[in-house]
């Protein structure tokens, strides 16, 4: 992933669900939700991060912080939207920093 992220883990799984990417960006620990869509028939990828999904991401992030004894560390949740054409051809990546907040 570009943009200064240093990936620590991919597909971190626990009893609460899954975090797509755990990374560092400067001093911040970043939990990244990646959404991909082919075409726009079902909306933009970032629109799939509903309020319910946002609450789940916060719960997962807090669990990760507690599990790794780094709850004092600054952190954020970013959303990466990957847009493909209806035929599956890459079109665009959009990164939303601080996309989810408590």
C-alpha atoms as a PDB file:
ATOM      1  CA  UNK A   1       0.000   0.000   0.000  1.00  0.00           C
ATOM      2  CA  UNK A   2       1.320   3.448  -0.812  1.00  0.00           C
ATOM      3  CA  UNK A   3       1.008   6.770   0.975  1.00  0.00           C
ATOM      4  CA  UNK A   4       3.581   6.189   3.703  1.00  0.00           C
ATOM      5  CA  UNK A   5       1.878   3.202   5.293  1.00  0.00           C
ATOM      6  CA  UNK A   6       4.094   0.459   6.697  1.00  0.00           C
ATOM      7  CA  UNK A   7       2.042  -2.727   6.805  1.00  0.00           C
ATOM      8  CA  UNK A   8       2.279  -4.697  10.054  1.00  0.00           C
ATOM      9  CA  UNK A   9      -0.453  -7.289   9.497  1.00  0.00           C
ATOM     10  CA  UNK A  10      -2.934  -8.343   6.858  1.00  0.00           C
ATOM     11  CA  UNK A  11      -6.285  -9.959   7.653  1.00  0.00           C
ATOM     12  CA  UNK A  12      -5.982  -9.805  11.441  1.00  0.00           C
ATOM     13  CA  UNK A  13      -8.717 -12.111  12.733  1.00  0.00           C
ATOM     14  CA  UNK A  14     -10.182 -12.426  16.194  1.00  0.00           C
ATOM     15  CA  UNK A  15     -13.530 -13.359  17.735  1.00  0.00           C
ATOM     16  CA  UNK A  16     -14.898  -9.896  16.890  1.00  0.00           C
ATOM     17  CA  UNK A  17     -14.168 -10.108  13.173  1.00  0.00           C
ATOM     18  CA  UNK A  18     -11.375  -9.106  10.832  1.00  0.00           C
ATOM     19  CA  UNK A  19      -9.249  -6.047  10.160  1.00  0.00           C
ATOM     20  CA  UNK A  20      -8.057  -5.989   6.543  1.00  0.00           C
ATOM     21  CA  UNK A  21      -4.761  -4.190   7.211  1.00  0.00           C
ATOM     22  CA  UNK A  22      -2.965  -2.992  10.340  1.00  0.00           C
ATOM     23  CA  UNK A  23      -0.274  -0.477   9.443  1.00  0.00           C
ATOM     24  CA  UNK A  24       1.791   2.411  10.719  1.00  0.00           C
ATOM     25  CA  UNK A  25       1.715   5.887   9.246  1.00  0.00           C
ATOM     26  CA  UNK A  26       4.258   8.001  11.064  1.00  0.00           C
ATOM     27  CA  UNK A  27       3.475   7.617  14.770  1.00  0.00           C
ATOM     28  CA  UNK A  28      -0.120   6.485  14.148  1.00  0.00           C
ATOM     29  CA  UNK A  29      -1.303   2.913  14.217  1.00  0.00           C
ATOM     30  CA  UNK A  30      -3.761   2.643  11.330  1.00  0.00           C
ATOM     31  CA  UNK A  31      -6.548   0.120  10.929  1.00  0.00           C
ATOM     32  CA  UNK A  32      -7.496  -0.042   7.263  1.00  0.00           C
ATOM     33  CA  UNK A  33     -10.801  -1.275   5.849  1.00  0.00           C
ATOM     34  CA  UNK A  34     -10.504  -2.067   2.139  1.00  0.00           C
ATOM     35  CA  UNK A  35     -13.669  -2.083   0.020  1.00  0.00           C
ATOM     36  CA  UNK A  36     -13.691  -3.051  -3.646  1.00  0.00           C
ATOM     37  CA  UNK A  37     -16.565  -2.774  -6.124  1.00  0.00           C
ATOM     38  CA  UNK A  38     -17.009  -3.699  -9.764  1.00  0.00           C
ATOM     39  CA  UNK A  39     -19.069  -0.980 -11.407  1.00  0.00           C
ATOM     40  CA  UNK A  40     -21.447   1.289  -9.531  1.00  0.00           C
ATOM     41  CA  UNK A  41     -24.654  -0.758  -9.671  1.00  0.00           C
ATOM     42  CA  UNK A  42     -24.450  -1.337  -5.915  1.00  0.00           C
ATOM     43  CA  UNK A  43     -22.948   2.048  -5.071  1.00  0.00           C
ATOM     44  CA  UNK A  44     -19.431   3.203  -4.406  1.00  0.00           C
ATOM     45  CA  UNK A  45     -17.122   0.955  -2.368  1.00  0.00           C
ATOM     46  CA  UNK A  46     -16.842   3.442   0.488  1.00  0.00           C
ATOM     47  CA  UNK A  47     -20.629   3.490   0.874  1.00  0.00           C
ATOM     48  CA  UNK A  48     -20.414  -0.110   2.098  1.00  0.00           C
ATOM     49  CA  UNK A  49     -18.835   1.119   5.352  1.00  0.00           C
ATOM     50  CA  UNK A  50     -22.149   1.522   7.137  1.00  0.00           C
ATOM     51  CA  UNK A  51     -22.668   2.797  10.680  1.00  0.00           C
ATOM     52  CA  UNK A  52     -22.863  -0.818  11.846  1.00  0.00           C
ATOM     53  CA  UNK A  53     -19.564  -1.629  10.094  1.00  0.00           C
ATOM     54  CA  UNK A  54     -17.977   1.493  11.621  1.00  0.00           C
ATOM     55  CA  UNK A  55     -18.956   0.353  15.127  1.00  0.00           C
ATOM     56  CA  UNK A  56     -17.480  -3.085  14.381  1.00  0.00           C
ATOM     57  CA  UNK A  57     -14.218  -1.520  13.165  1.00  0.00           C
ATOM     58  CA  UNK A  58     -13.931   0.532  16.367  1.00  0.00           C
ATOM     59  CA  UNK A  59     -14.557  -2.596  18.460  1.00  0.00           C
ATOM     60  CA  UNK A  60     -11.885  -4.488  16.503  1.00  0.00           C
ATOM     61  CA  UNK A  61      -9.378  -1.632  16.805  1.00  0.00           C
ATOM     62  CA  UNK A  62      -9.879  -1.355  20.565  1.00  0.00           C
ATOM     63  CA  UNK A  63      -9.472  -5.123  20.942  1.00  0.00           C
ATOM     64  CA  UNK A  64      -6.257  -5.041  18.888  1.00  0.00           C
ATOM     65  CA  UNK A  65      -4.872  -2.157  20.973  1.00  0.00           C
ATOM     66  CA  UNK A  66      -5.684  -3.986  24.210  1.00  0.00           C
ATOM     67  CA  UNK A  67      -4.303  -7.298  22.955  1.00  0.00           C
ATOM     68  CA  UNK A  68      -1.014  -5.690  21.913  1.00  0.00           C
ATOM     69  CA  UNK A  69      -0.769  -3.525  25.060  1.00  0.00           C
ATOM     70  CA  UNK A  70      -0.616  -0.310  23.050  1.00  0.00           C
ATOM     71  CA  UNK A  71      -3.868   1.379  24.066  1.00  0.00           C
ATOM     72  CA  UNK A  72      -2.005   4.642  24.750  1.00  0.00           C
ATOM     73  CA  UNK A  73      -0.794   4.835  21.163  1.00  0.00           C
ATOM     74  CA  UNK A  74      -2.423   7.238  18.710  1.00  0.00           C
ATOM     75  CA  UNK A  75      -4.534   5.418  16.157  1.00  0.00           C
ATOM     76  CA  UNK A  76      -7.087   5.918  13.442  1.00  0.00           C
ATOM     77  CA  UNK A  77      -9.289   3.990  11.042  1.00  0.00           C
ATOM     78  CA  UNK A  78      -8.886   4.614   7.317  1.00  0.00           C
ATOM     79  CA  UNK A  79     -11.007   3.349   4.453  1.00  0.00           C
ATOM     80  CA  UNK A  80      -9.488   2.442   1.097  1.00  0.00           C
ATOM     81  CA  UNK A  81     -11.990   2.304  -1.759  1.00  0.00           C
ATOM     82  CA  UNK A  82     -10.941   0.358  -4.848  1.00  0.00           C
ATOM     83  CA  UNK A  83     -13.085   1.091  -7.886  1.00  0.00           C
ATOM     84  CA  UNK A  84     -13.126  -1.372 -10.772  1.00  0.00           C
ATOM     85  CA  UNK A  85     -15.056  -1.152 -14.026  1.00  0.00           C
ATOM     86  CA  UNK A  86     -17.960  -3.549 -14.474  1.00  0.00           C
ATOM     87  CA  UNK A  87     -15.568  -5.751 -16.476  1.00  0.00           C
ATOM     88  CA  UNK A  88     -13.093  -5.795 -13.574  1.00  0.00           C
ATOM     89  CA  UNK A  89     -10.531  -3.332 -14.935  1.00  0.00           C
ATOM     90  CA  UNK A  90      -8.861  -1.091 -12.351  1.00  0.00           C
ATOM     91  CA  UNK A  91     -10.182   2.493 -12.347  1.00  0.00           C
ATOM     92  CA  UNK A  92      -9.304   4.286  -9.122  1.00  0.00           C
ATOM     93  CA  UNK A  93      -8.194   4.023  -5.481  1.00  0.00           C
ATOM     94  CA  UNK A  94      -9.469   6.530  -2.932  1.00  0.00           C
ATOM     95  CA  UNK A  95      -7.991   6.721   0.578  1.00  0.00           C
ATOM     96  CA  UNK A  96     -10.052   8.259   3.384  1.00  0.00           C
ATOM     97  CA  UNK A  97      -7.925   8.954   6.431  1.00  0.00           C
ATOM     98  CA  UNK A  98      -9.744   9.197   9.777  1.00  0.00           C
ATOM     99  CA  UNK A  99     -12.838   7.797   8.017  1.00  0.00           C
ATOM    100  CA  UNK A 100     -14.241   6.313  11.220  1.00  0.00           C
ATOM    101  CA  UNK A 101     -14.206   7.891  14.655  1.00  0.00           C
ATOM    102  CA  UNK A 102     -15.476   6.895  18.077  1.00  0.00           C
END
